[in-house]
Amino acid sequence: MSVPAAFTRQTGEAHWEILLRARAIENGLFVIAAAQAGTHEDGRETFGHSMIVDPWGRVLAEAGATGEEIIVAEIDVAAGCTRRAPRFPTSGTRAASCWMRWFRWEKEALELDPLQSCL
């Protein structure tokens, strides 16, 4: 998931890292977040701290708060997928399968009584 941003210094200090880590965890994805950094011509200060976060919310790389910087991290996509699957089996739960049936576009799925189909 790519997240381009320009958080103000104050907001970034309070929320930037925790929001990126939360997005990575809740979506089970690597997050690559590019952020503007430093003081701009109009006096506005942006937080910076571009990051790469793994699906477990671990920060793999982080830039500083000023100037231009390139960050790099090794991303093992296969390992990210296989680590989450057995521990977060949400796609196989009763509620998830109920919602999948409820939202199908086939005629027979649309005719289901939503309460009875989940029991």
Protein backbone atom coordinates (compact mmCIF):
# COMPACT_ATOMS: atom_id res chain seq x y z
CA MET A 1 0.00 0.00 0.00
CA SER A 2 1.37 3.41 -0.91
CA VAL A 3 0.68 6.39 1.34
CA PRO A 4 1.90 9.78 0.09
CA ALA A 5 1.47 12.45 2.76
CA ALA A 6 2.30 15.90 4.07
CA PHE A 7 1.44 15.74 7.78
CA THR A 8 2.12 18.91 9.72
CA ARG A 9 4.88 18.62 12.30
CA GLN A 10 2.44 18.64 15.23
CA THR A 11 0.05 16.07 13.75
CA GLY A 12 2.89 13.90 12.51
CA GLU A 13 4.53 13.73 15.92
CA ALA A 14 1.27 12.57 17.45
CA HIS A 15 -0.10 10.21 14.79
CA TRP A 16 2.14 9.42 11.80
CA GLU A 17 3.86 6.22 12.93
CA ILE A 18 0.90 4.70 14.76
CA LEU A 19 -1.45 5.29 11.81
CA LEU A 20 0.95 3.69 9.33
CA ARG A 21 1.54 0.71 11.59
CA ALA A 22 -2.21 0.30 12.08
CA ARG A 23 -2.87 0.40 8.30
CA ALA A 24 -0.21 -2.28 7.75
CA ILE A 25 -1.61 -4.55 10.47
CA GLU A 26 -5.31 -4.18 9.68
CA ASN A 27 -4.78 -4.74 5.93
CA GLY A 28 -2.04 -7.35 6.22
CA LEU A 29 0.08 -5.37 3.76
CA PHE A 30 3.44 -3.71 3.48
CA VAL A 31 3.01 0.06 3.70
CA ILE A 32 5.37 2.38 1.85
CA ALA A 33 4.75 5.93 3.03
CA ALA A 34 6.43 8.91 1.37
CA ALA A 35 6.20 12.10 3.40
CA GLN A 36 7.17 15.70 2.76
CA ALA A 37 9.70 16.98 5.28
CA GLY A 38 10.97 20.30 6.54
CA THR A 39 9.94 23.95 6.43
CA HIS A 40 8.30 25.15 3.23
CA GLU A 41 8.32 28.60 1.55
CA ASP A 42 5.03 29.57 3.19
CA GLY A 43 6.42 28.71 6.66
CA ARG A 44 4.46 25.47 6.95
CA GLU A 45 6.38 22.66 8.68
CA THR A 46 5.83 19.08 7.58
CA PHE A 47 6.81 16.08 9.69
CA GLY A 48 8.67 13.90 7.20
CA HIS A 49 9.68 10.48 8.50
CA SER A 50 8.89 8.48 5.35
CA MET A 51 8.53 4.82 6.35
CA ILE A 52 8.33 1.26 5.16
CA VAL A 53 6.25 -0.93 7.49
CA ASP A 54 5.70 -4.70 7.30
CA PRO A 55 2.31 -6.48 7.72
CA TRP A 56 3.08 -7.01 11.43
CA GLY A 57 3.51 -3.28 12.02
CA ARG A 58 7.30 -3.37 12.30
CA VAL A 59 9.06 -0.31 10.90
CA LEU A 60 11.61 -1.64 8.40
CA ALA A 61 13.02 1.75 7.38
CA GLU A 62 12.46 5.37 8.37
CA ALA A 63 13.71 8.69 7.01
CA GLY A 64 14.50 11.76 9.05
CA ALA A 65 12.52 14.95 9.58
CA THR A 66 14.35 17.27 7.19
CA GLY A 67 15.66 17.26 3.65
CA GLU A 68 15.48 14.66 0.94
CA GLU A 69 16.32 11.08 1.82
CA ILE A 70 15.98 7.66 0.19
CA ILE A 71 15.00 4.72 2.37
CA VAL A 72 15.29 1.09 1.36
CA ALA A 73 14.07 -2.15 2.94
CA GLU A 74 14.04 -5.76 1.84
CA ILE A 75 10.44 -6.87 1.36
CA ASP A 76 9.65 -10.58 1.27
CA VAL A 77 6.10 -10.58 -0.08
CA ALA A 78 5.67 -14.35 0.17
CA ALA A 79 6.77 -14.42 3.81
CA GLY A 80 4.38 -11.58 4.64
CA CYS A 81 1.45 -13.54 3.21
CA THR A 82 2.30 -16.91 4.71
CA ARG A 83 2.98 -15.51 8.19
CA ARG A 84 -0.44 -13.89 8.45
CA ALA A 85 -2.67 -16.55 6.91
CA PRO A 86 -2.59 -19.19 9.67
CA ARG A 87 -2.82 -16.64 12.50
CA PHE A 88 -5.54 -14.40 11.07
CA PRO A 89 -8.09 -16.76 9.51
CA THR A 90 -10.76 -14.09 9.11
CA SER A 91 -11.77 -15.18 5.62
CA GLY A 92 -12.97 -18.52 6.97
CA THR A 93 -15.11 -17.26 9.83
CA ARG A 94 -18.85 -17.65 9.94
CA ALA A 95 -19.43 -13.88 9.77
CA ALA A 96 -17.10 -13.43 6.81
CA SER A 97 -18.70 -16.24 4.83
CA CYS A 98 -22.13 -14.83 5.65
CA TRP A 99 -21.16 -11.42 4.31
CA MET A 100 -19.59 -12.93 1.20
CA ARG A 101 -22.81 -14.80 0.43
CA TRP A 102 -24.93 -11.75 1.22
CA PHE A 103 -23.02 -9.51 -1.19
CA ARG A 104 -22.79 -11.88 -4.17
CA TRP A 105 -24.43 -10.67 -7.33
CA GLU A 106 -25.93 -14.02 -8.40
CA LYS A 107 -29.72 -14.12 -8.32
CA GLU A 108 -29.96 -16.93 -5.78
CA ALA A 109 -27.70 -15.07 -3.33
CA LEU A 110 -29.84 -11.96 -3.63
CA GLU A 111 -32.93 -13.98 -2.74
CA LEU A 112 -31.47 -15.33 0.52
CA ASP A 113 -32.96 -14.21 3.80
CA PRO A 114 -29.84 -12.57 5.30
CA LEU A 115 -30.60 -13.70 8.85
CA GLN A 116 -31.38 -17.33 7.99
CA SER A 117 -28.36 -17.71 5.70
CA CYS A 118 -25.96 -16.95 8.59
CA LEU A 119 -27.39 -19.43 11.07
